[in-house]
Amino acid sequence: MKRFTPMRLPRRHLGFTLIETMVALLVISVGMIGVAALHGQALSSSGIALRRSVAIGLASDIADRIRVNRGAGLAYEGAAADNNCAAPTGGGGADCSPAQMAAHDLFAWRAQIAQSLPGGTGTVDVDLATNPTSYTVTVGWAEPTQVAPVTFTFAFGLPVY
């Protein structure tokens, strides 16, 4: 009786070699590093987009304040001050002149900018020579990836009644 002996396969067909495994690991590692780099770039870009959206909202906020207080004119180009003009129901605001309200609006607006944006600044330029009166609102902030500060400028016209 003949005994069954398993057929031996050539050595090269027995499985993966260590070199093949190392190459596969290297390819996977490079791919994962690429994915991590893309993820980091996406996070950075979303942070920049968030700060730009905040700047647009803040510029729109002061524009709305100017529209409500049309009589202030050049006062929005002046110094900011806390004149307790926040709201008539809260005790302030009822006795404020348009210029005092403008100074208070600038004070509250610049405080929002400083709180919402890193290194945030805000200015309003008024040009009474144009018809309608033109306002230029500039919001600036420091971007971690930029050397110079980033600015957003918003211009609008507003007739004085």
N, C-alpha and C. Protein backbone atom coordinates (compact mmCIF):
# COMPACT_ATOMS: atom_id res chain seq x y z
N MET A 1 0.82 -1.15 0.00
CA MET A 1 0.00 0.00 0.00
C MET A 1 0.88 1.23 0.00
N LYS A 2 0.46 2.09 -0.87
CA LYS A 2 1.22 3.31 -1.03
C LYS A 2 0.73 4.36 -0.04
N ARG A 3 1.65 4.97 0.54
CA ARG A 3 1.31 6.01 1.50
C ARG A 3 1.15 7.35 0.79
N PHE A 4 0.09 8.11 1.19
CA PHE A 4 -0.15 9.40 0.56
C PHE A 4 0.79 10.43 1.14
N THR A 5 1.51 11.10 0.31
CA THR A 5 2.38 12.20 0.75
C THR A 5 1.90 13.48 0.10
N PRO A 6 1.74 14.51 0.90
CA PRO A 6 1.26 15.77 0.32
C PRO A 6 2.28 16.32 -0.67
N MET A 7 1.74 16.91 -1.72
CA MET A 7 2.60 17.48 -2.73
C MET A 7 3.19 18.78 -2.19
N ARG A 8 4.43 18.93 -2.34
CA ARG A 8 5.07 20.15 -1.87
C ARG A 8 5.05 21.19 -2.97
N LEU A 9 4.59 22.39 -2.56
CA LEU A 9 4.56 23.50 -3.51
C LEU A 9 5.92 24.20 -3.51
N PRO A 10 6.23 24.82 -4.59
CA PRO A 10 7.48 25.58 -4.60
C PRO A 10 7.44 26.66 -3.52
N ARG A 11 8.56 27.03 -3.02
CA ARG A 11 8.68 27.97 -1.91
C ARG A 11 8.05 29.32 -2.22
N ARG A 12 8.10 29.77 -3.41
CA ARG A 12 7.57 31.09 -3.75
C ARG A 12 6.05 31.16 -3.66
N HIS A 13 5.34 30.11 -3.58
CA HIS A 13 3.89 30.11 -3.51
C HIS A 13 3.35 29.89 -2.10
N LEU A 14 4.17 29.94 -1.11
CA LEU A 14 3.70 29.65 0.25
C LEU A 14 3.03 30.85 0.93
N GLY A 15 3.19 32.09 0.47
CA GLY A 15 2.55 33.23 1.12
C GLY A 15 3.34 34.51 0.86
N PHE A 16 2.95 35.54 1.60
CA PHE A 16 3.61 36.83 1.46
C PHE A 16 4.97 36.79 2.11
N THR A 17 5.87 37.52 1.51
CA THR A 17 7.19 37.66 2.13
C THR A 17 7.19 38.90 2.99
N LEU A 18 8.18 39.04 3.77
CA LEU A 18 8.30 40.20 4.65
C LEU A 18 8.45 41.48 3.84
N ILE A 19 9.13 41.44 2.74
CA ILE A 19 9.31 42.64 1.91
C ILE A 19 7.97 43.08 1.33
N GLU A 20 7.17 42.16 0.86
CA GLU A 20 5.86 42.52 0.32
C GLU A 20 4.97 43.15 1.39
N THR A 21 5.04 42.63 2.58
CA THR A 21 4.25 43.17 3.68
C THR A 21 4.72 44.58 4.03
N MET A 22 6.02 44.81 4.06
CA MET A 22 6.56 46.13 4.38
C MET A 22 6.17 47.15 3.30
N VAL A 23 6.20 46.77 2.05
CA VAL A 23 5.81 47.68 0.97
C VAL A 23 4.33 48.03 1.09
N ALA A 24 3.50 47.06 1.37
CA ALA A 24 2.06 47.32 1.55
C ALA A 24 1.83 48.26 2.73
N LEU A 25 2.55 48.07 3.81
CA LEU A 25 2.44 48.94 4.98
C LEU A 25 2.89 50.36 4.65
N LEU A 26 3.94 50.49 3.87
CA LEU A 26 4.43 51.80 3.46
C LEU A 26 3.40 52.52 2.60
N VAL A 27 2.79 51.84 1.66
CA VAL A 27 1.77 52.46 0.80
C VAL A 27 0.57 52.91 1.64
N ILE A 28 0.13 52.08 2.54
CA ILE A 28 -1.00 52.45 3.40
C ILE A 28 -0.63 53.64 4.29
N SER A 29 0.59 53.66 4.81
CA SER A 29 1.03 54.77 5.67
C SER A 29 1.05 56.09 4.92
N VAL A 30 1.56 56.09 3.70
CA VAL A 30 1.59 57.31 2.90
C VAL A 30 0.17 57.79 2.63
N GLY A 31 -0.72 56.89 2.33
CA GLY A 31 -2.12 57.25 2.12
C GLY A 31 -2.75 57.86 3.35
N MET A 32 -2.49 57.30 4.51
CA MET A 32 -3.05 57.83 5.76
C MET A 32 -2.48 59.20 6.10
N ILE A 33 -1.20 59.41 5.81
CA ILE A 33 -0.61 60.73 6.04
C ILE A 33 -1.28 61.76 5.14
N GLY A 34 -1.55 61.39 3.90
CA GLY A 34 -2.26 62.28 2.98
C GLY A 34 -3.66 62.62 3.47
N VAL A 35 -4.36 61.64 3.98
CA VAL A 35 -5.71 61.87 4.52
C VAL A 35 -5.63 62.81 5.73
N ALA A 36 -4.66 62.61 6.60
CA ALA A 36 -4.51 63.48 7.77
C ALA A 36 -4.19 64.91 7.36
N ALA A 37 -3.33 65.08 6.34
CA ALA A 37 -3.00 66.42 5.86
C ALA A 37 -4.23 67.11 5.27
N LEU A 38 -5.03 66.38 4.52
CA LEU A 38 -6.26 66.96 3.96
C LEU A 38 -7.24 67.35 5.06
N HIS A 39 -7.32 66.53 6.09
CA HIS A 39 -8.22 66.84 7.21
C HIS A 39 -7.76 68.12 7.92
N GLY A 40 -6.47 68.25 8.14
CA GLY A 40 -5.94 69.46 8.77
C GLY A 40 -6.20 70.70 7.94
N GLN A 41 -6.03 70.59 6.64
CA GLN A 41 -6.29 71.72 5.75
C GLN A 41 -7.78 72.08 5.75
N ALA A 42 -8.63 71.09 5.79
CA ALA A 42 -10.08 71.34 5.83
C ALA A 42 -10.46 72.06 7.12
N LEU A 43 -9.87 71.67 8.24
CA LEU A 43 -10.14 72.36 9.51
C LEU A 43 -9.69 73.81 9.46
N SER A 44 -8.51 74.04 8.89
CA SER A 44 -8.00 75.41 8.78
C SER A 44 -8.91 76.25 7.90
N SER A 45 -9.33 75.72 6.78
CA SER A 45 -10.20 76.45 5.87
C SER A 45 -11.55 76.74 6.49
N SER A 46 -12.08 75.81 7.25
CA SER A 46 -13.37 76.06 7.89
C SER A 46 -13.25 77.13 8.97
N GLY A 47 -12.10 77.21 9.64
CA GLY A 47 -11.88 78.28 10.63
C GLY A 47 -11.83 79.64 9.96
N ILE A 48 -11.15 79.72 8.81
CA ILE A 48 -11.09 80.98 8.07
C ILE A 48 -12.49 81.38 7.61
N ALA A 49 -13.25 80.43 7.09
CA ALA A 49 -14.61 80.72 6.63
C ALA A 49 -15.50 81.18 7.78
N LEU A 50 -15.32 80.58 8.94
CA LEU A 50 -16.12 80.98 10.11
C LEU A 50 -15.82 82.43 10.49
N ARG A 51 -14.53 82.80 10.54
CA ARG A 51 -14.17 84.16 10.91
C ARG A 51 -14.67 85.16 9.86
N ARG A 52 -14.66 84.80 8.60
CA ARG A 52 -15.19 85.69 7.56
C ARG A 52 -16.70 85.86 7.71
N SER A 53 -17.39 84.80 8.03
CA SER A 53 -18.84 84.89 8.25
C SER A 53 -19.16 85.77 9.44
N VAL A 54 -18.38 85.65 10.49
CA VAL A 54 -18.57 86.49 11.67
C VAL A 54 -18.34 87.95 11.31
N ALA A 55 -17.29 88.23 10.53
CA ALA A 55 -16.99 89.61 10.13
C ALA A 55 -18.13 90.19 9.29
N ILE A 56 -18.70 89.40 8.41
CA ILE A 56 -19.82 89.87 7.59
C ILE A 56 -21.03 90.18 8.49
N GLY A 57 -21.29 89.33 9.45
CA GLY A 57 -22.39 89.57 10.38
C GLY A 57 -22.19 90.82 11.21
N LEU A 58 -20.95 91.05 11.66
CA LEU A 58 -20.66 92.24 12.46
C LEU A 58 -20.76 93.52 11.63
N ALA A 59 -20.31 93.47 10.38
CA ALA A 59 -20.44 94.64 9.50
C ALA A 59 -21.92 94.94 9.25
N SER A 60 -22.70 93.91 9.06
CA SER A 60 -24.14 94.08 8.85
C SER A 60 -24.81 94.64 10.11
N ASP A 61 -24.32 94.25 11.28
CA ASP A 61 -24.87 94.73 12.54
C ASP A 61 -24.71 96.24 12.68
N ILE A 62 -23.51 96.76 12.41
CA ILE A 62 -23.32 98.21 12.56
C ILE A 62 -24.08 98.94 11.46
N ALA A 63 -24.20 98.33 10.28
CA ALA A 63 -25.00 98.97 9.22
C ALA A 63 -26.46 99.10 9.66
N ASP A 64 -27.00 98.10 10.30
CA ASP A 64 -28.37 98.17 10.81
C ASP A 64 -28.49 99.23 11.90
N ARG A 65 -27.49 99.33 12.76
CA ARG A 65 -27.51 100.36 13.81
C ARG A 65 -27.49 101.76 13.19
N ILE A 66 -26.71 101.92 12.13
CA ILE A 66 -26.65 103.22 11.45
C ILE A 66 -27.99 103.53 10.79
N ARG A 67 -28.62 102.54 10.18
CA ARG A 67 -29.92 102.75 9.54
C ARG A 67 -30.98 103.19 10.56
N VAL A 68 -30.91 102.62 11.76
CA VAL A 68 -31.88 102.97 12.79
C VAL A 68 -31.62 104.39 13.31
N ASN A 69 -30.38 104.80 13.41
CA ASN A 69 -29.99 106.11 13.96
C ASN A 69 -29.52 107.01 12.82
N ARG A 70 -30.38 107.30 11.86
CA ARG A 70 -30.01 108.05 10.67
C ARG A 70 -29.50 109.46 10.97
N GLY A 71 -29.98 110.07 12.02
CA GLY A 71 -29.62 111.45 12.32
C GLY A 71 -28.21 111.64 12.86
N ALA A 72 -27.50 110.59 13.16
CA ALA A 72 -26.18 110.72 13.77
C ALA A 72 -25.12 111.19 12.78
N GLY A 73 -25.21 110.78 11.53
CA GLY A 73 -24.27 111.22 10.50
C GLY A 73 -22.81 110.95 10.84
N LEU A 74 -22.02 112.00 10.95
CA LEU A 74 -20.57 111.88 11.20
C LEU A 74 -20.23 111.31 12.57
N ALA A 75 -21.20 111.24 13.48
CA ALA A 75 -20.91 110.73 14.82
C ALA A 75 -20.42 109.28 14.78
N TYR A 76 -20.79 108.54 13.73
CA TYR A 76 -20.31 107.16 13.62
C TYR A 76 -18.84 107.07 13.25
N GLU A 77 -18.26 108.20 12.87
CA GLU A 77 -16.83 108.24 12.58
C GLU A 77 -16.04 108.65 13.83
N GLY A 78 -16.74 109.08 14.86
CA GLY A 78 -16.10 109.59 16.07
C GLY A 78 -15.68 108.50 17.03
N ALA A 79 -15.44 108.95 18.25
CA ALA A 79 -14.97 108.04 19.30
C ALA A 79 -16.13 107.23 19.87
N ALA A 80 -15.81 106.03 20.30
CA ALA A 80 -16.80 105.17 20.93
C ALA A 80 -16.85 105.47 22.42
N ALA A 81 -18.05 105.39 23.00
CA ALA A 81 -18.21 105.65 24.43
C ALA A 81 -19.41 104.86 24.95
N ASP A 82 -19.31 104.42 26.20
CA ASP A 82 -20.41 103.71 26.84
C ASP A 82 -21.32 104.76 27.48
N ASN A 83 -22.37 105.13 26.77
CA ASN A 83 -23.28 106.18 27.22
C ASN A 83 -24.55 105.63 27.86
N ASN A 84 -24.59 104.35 28.16
CA ASN A 84 -25.76 103.71 28.75
C ASN A 84 -26.99 103.92 27.88
N CYS A 85 -26.81 103.75 26.59
CA CYS A 85 -27.91 103.92 25.64
C CYS A 85 -28.42 102.58 25.12
N ALA A 86 -28.22 101.53 25.89
CA ALA A 86 -28.48 100.18 25.39
C ALA A 86 -29.93 99.98 24.97
N ALA A 87 -30.88 100.20 25.84
CA ALA A 87 -32.28 99.96 25.50
C ALA A 87 -33.17 100.85 26.35
N PRO A 88 -34.21 101.44 25.75
CA PRO A 88 -35.11 102.29 26.52
C PRO A 88 -35.79 101.56 27.67
N THR A 89 -36.06 100.25 27.52
CA THR A 89 -36.74 99.52 28.58
C THR A 89 -35.80 99.22 29.74
N GLY A 90 -34.50 99.24 29.51
CA GLY A 90 -33.55 98.91 30.57
C GLY A 90 -33.06 100.13 31.32
N GLY A 91 -33.66 101.29 31.12
CA GLY A 91 -33.25 102.48 31.84
C GLY A 91 -32.40 103.41 30.98
N GLY A 92 -31.77 102.92 29.93
CA GLY A 92 -30.95 103.78 29.09
C GLY A 92 -31.61 104.00 27.76
N GLY A 93 -31.04 104.89 26.99
CA GLY A 93 -31.50 105.09 25.64
C GLY A 93 -32.56 106.15 25.46
N ALA A 94 -33.40 106.38 26.42
CA ALA A 94 -34.49 107.32 26.26
C ALA A 94 -33.97 108.75 26.17
N ASP A 95 -32.93 109.10 26.88
CA ASP A 95 -32.44 110.46 26.92
C ASP A 95 -31.17 110.65 26.09
N CYS A 96 -30.82 109.71 25.23
CA CYS A 96 -29.60 109.80 24.45
C CYS A 96 -29.86 110.56 23.15
N SER A 97 -28.94 111.45 22.81
CA SER A 97 -29.01 112.15 21.53
C SER A 97 -28.53 111.19 20.44
N PRO A 98 -28.79 111.51 19.17
CA PRO A 98 -28.28 110.64 18.11
C PRO A 98 -26.76 110.45 18.16
N ALA A 99 -26.02 111.49 18.50
CA ALA A 99 -24.56 111.39 18.58
C ALA A 99 -24.14 110.48 19.74
N GLN A 100 -24.82 110.58 20.88
CA GLN A 100 -24.52 109.70 22.01
C GLN A 100 -24.86 108.25 21.67
N MET A 101 -25.98 108.08 20.97
CA MET A 101 -26.37 106.72 20.58
C MET A 101 -25.35 106.14 19.60
N ALA A 102 -24.83 106.97 18.69
CA ALA A 102 -23.81 106.51 17.74
C ALA A 102 -22.54 106.10 18.48
N ALA A 103 -22.13 106.89 19.46
CA ALA A 103 -20.93 106.55 20.23
C ALA A 103 -21.15 105.25 21.00
N HIS A 104 -22.36 105.07 21.53
CA HIS A 104 -22.66 103.83 22.26
C HIS A 104 -22.72 102.64 21.30
N ASP A 105 -23.30 102.83 20.11
CA ASP A 105 -23.33 101.77 19.11
C ASP A 105 -21.91 101.33 18.75
N LEU A 106 -21.03 102.29 18.53
CA LEU A 106 -19.63 101.96 18.21
C LEU A 106 -18.97 101.22 19.36
N PHE A 107 -19.25 101.65 20.59
CA PHE A 107 -18.68 100.99 21.77
C PHE A 107 -19.12 99.52 21.84
N ALA A 108 -20.42 99.29 21.70
CA ALA A 108 -20.95 97.92 21.79
C ALA A 108 -20.46 97.07 20.61
N TRP A 109 -20.42 97.67 19.42
CA TRP A 109 -19.99 96.96 18.22
C TRP A 109 -18.52 96.55 18.31
N ARG A 110 -17.67 97.47 18.75
CA ARG A 110 -16.24 97.15 18.87
C ARG A 110 -15.99 96.11 19.96
N ALA A 111 -16.81 96.13 21.00
CA ALA A 111 -16.68 95.09 22.03
C ALA A 111 -17.04 93.72 21.45
N GLN A 112 -18.08 93.67 20.61
CA GLN A 112 -18.45 92.41 19.96
C GLN A 112 -17.33 91.92 19.04
N ILE A 113 -16.72 92.84 18.31
CA ILE A 113 -15.63 92.47 17.40
C ILE A 113 -14.46 91.90 18.20
N ALA A 114 -14.08 92.58 19.27
CA ALA A 114 -12.95 92.13 20.09
C ALA A 114 -13.22 90.75 20.70
N GLN A 115 -14.48 90.49 21.02
CA GLN A 115 -14.84 89.21 21.62
C GLN A 115 -14.94 88.10 20.57
N SER A 116 -15.37 88.43 19.37
CA SER A 116 -15.66 87.42 18.35
C SER A 116 -14.51 87.08 17.43
N LEU A 117 -13.59 88.03 17.20
CA LEU A 117 -12.51 87.82 16.24
C LEU A 117 -11.15 88.04 16.91
N PRO A 118 -10.17 87.21 16.60
CA PRO A 118 -8.84 87.39 17.20
C PRO A 118 -8.19 88.66 16.67
N GLY A 119 -7.82 89.57 17.57
CA GLY A 119 -7.21 90.83 17.16
C GLY A 119 -8.16 91.69 16.36
N GLY A 120 -9.46 91.59 16.65
CA GLY A 120 -10.48 92.27 15.86
C GLY A 120 -10.51 93.77 16.04
N THR A 121 -10.71 94.48 14.93
CA THR A 121 -10.85 95.94 14.93
C THR A 121 -12.01 96.30 14.02
N GLY A 122 -12.58 97.47 14.24
CA GLY A 122 -13.67 97.93 13.40
C GLY A 122 -13.68 99.43 13.26
N THR A 123 -13.88 99.91 12.05
CA THR A 123 -13.97 101.35 11.79
C THR A 123 -15.16 101.63 10.87
N VAL A 124 -15.65 102.85 10.98
CA VAL A 124 -16.72 103.33 10.11
C VAL A 124 -16.25 104.66 9.53
N ASP A 125 -16.29 104.79 8.20
CA ASP A 125 -15.97 106.04 7.53
C ASP A 125 -17.24 106.57 6.90
N VAL A 126 -17.49 107.88 7.11
CA VAL A 126 -18.71 108.51 6.61
C VAL A 126 -18.32 109.57 5.58
N ASP A 127 -19.02 109.59 4.44
CA ASP A 127 -18.79 110.60 3.42
C ASP A 127 -20.10 111.33 3.18
N LEU A 128 -20.24 112.52 3.79
CA LEU A 128 -21.46 113.30 3.67
C LEU A 128 -21.56 114.00 2.32
N ALA A 129 -20.46 114.07 1.57
CA ALA A 129 -20.45 114.78 0.29
C ALA A 129 -21.21 114.01 -0.78
N THR A 130 -21.40 112.74 -0.61
CA THR A 130 -22.12 111.95 -1.61
C THR A 130 -23.61 112.00 -1.34
N ASN A 131 -24.38 111.77 -2.38
CA ASN A 131 -25.83 111.70 -2.21
C ASN A 131 -26.30 110.37 -2.78
N PRO A 132 -26.77 109.44 -2.00
CA PRO A 132 -26.96 109.50 -0.56
C PRO A 132 -25.63 109.40 0.19
N THR A 133 -25.68 109.72 1.47
CA THR A 133 -24.50 109.63 2.32
C THR A 133 -23.95 108.22 2.28
N SER A 134 -22.64 108.11 2.05
CA SER A 134 -22.05 106.76 1.96
C SER A 134 -21.28 106.43 3.23
N TYR A 135 -21.40 105.21 3.63
CA TYR A 135 -20.72 104.67 4.81
C TYR A 135 -19.85 103.50 4.36
N THR A 136 -18.65 103.45 4.88
CA THR A 136 -17.75 102.33 4.61
C THR A 136 -17.38 101.69 5.94
N VAL A 137 -17.78 100.47 6.13
CA VAL A 137 -17.53 99.72 7.36
C VAL A 137 -16.39 98.75 7.08
N THR A 138 -15.36 98.78 7.94
CA THR A 138 -14.22 97.88 7.78
C THR A 138 -14.04 97.09 9.07
N VAL A 139 -14.01 95.77 8.92
CA VAL A 139 -13.76 94.87 10.05
C VAL A 139 -12.45 94.14 9.75
N GLY A 140 -11.51 94.19 10.69
CA GLY A 140 -10.22 93.52 10.51
C GLY A 140 -9.96 92.54 11.64
N TRP A 141 -9.15 91.53 11.35
CA TRP A 141 -8.78 90.54 12.36
C TRP A 141 -7.48 89.88 11.96
N ALA A 142 -6.86 89.22 12.93
CA ALA A 142 -5.61 88.50 12.69
C ALA A 142 -5.93 87.06 12.33
N GLU A 143 -5.38 86.62 11.23
CA GLU A 143 -5.56 85.24 10.78
C GLU A 143 -4.26 84.49 11.09
N PRO A 144 -4.34 83.33 11.77
CA PRO A 144 -3.12 82.62 12.16
C PRO A 144 -2.21 82.25 10.97
N THR A 145 -2.78 82.04 9.80
CA THR A 145 -1.99 81.62 8.65
C THR A 145 -1.50 82.80 7.81
N GLN A 146 -1.88 84.02 8.16
CA GLN A 146 -1.52 85.20 7.38
C GLN A 146 -0.57 86.08 8.18
N VAL A 147 0.32 86.77 7.50
CA VAL A 147 1.23 87.70 8.16
C VAL A 147 0.51 89.01 8.44
N ALA A 148 -0.16 89.55 7.44
CA ALA A 148 -0.89 90.81 7.59
C ALA A 148 -2.32 90.53 8.05
N PRO A 149 -2.93 91.49 8.74
CA PRO A 149 -4.32 91.30 9.16
C PRO A 149 -5.25 91.21 7.94
N VAL A 150 -6.33 90.48 8.10
CA VAL A 150 -7.33 90.32 7.06
C VAL A 150 -8.43 91.35 7.32
N THR A 151 -8.96 91.96 6.26
CA THR A 151 -10.03 92.94 6.43
C THR A 151 -11.21 92.60 5.53
N PHE A 152 -12.38 92.97 6.00
CA PHE A 152 -13.60 92.88 5.21
C PHE A 152 -14.18 94.28 5.18
N THR A 153 -14.47 94.79 3.98
CA THR A 153 -15.01 96.14 3.82
C THR A 153 -16.40 96.05 3.21
N PHE A 154 -17.30 96.82 3.79
CA PHE A 154 -18.69 96.84 3.36
C PHE A 154 -19.10 98.30 3.18
N ALA A 155 -19.53 98.67 2.01
CA ALA A 155 -19.95 100.05 1.74
C ALA A 155 -21.43 100.08 1.38
N PHE A 156 -22.12 101.12 1.87
CA PHE A 156 -23.53 101.27 1.55
C PHE A 156 -23.90 102.75 1.61
N GLY A 157 -24.96 103.10 0.94
CA GLY A 157 -25.46 104.46 0.95
C GLY A 157 -26.74 104.56 1.75
N LEU A 158 -26.92 105.71 2.40
CA LEU A 158 -28.09 105.87 3.25
C LEU A 158 -28.54 107.32 3.18
N PRO A 159 -29.69 107.60 2.62
CA PRO A 159 -30.16 108.99 2.58
C PRO A 159 -30.56 109.45 3.98
N VAL A 160 -30.28 110.70 4.28
CA VAL A 160 -30.66 111.28 5.57
C VAL A 160 -31.98 112.01 5.38
N TYR A 161 -32.95 111.72 6.24
CA TYR A 161 -34.27 112.35 6.15
C TYR A 161 -34.32 113.56 7.02
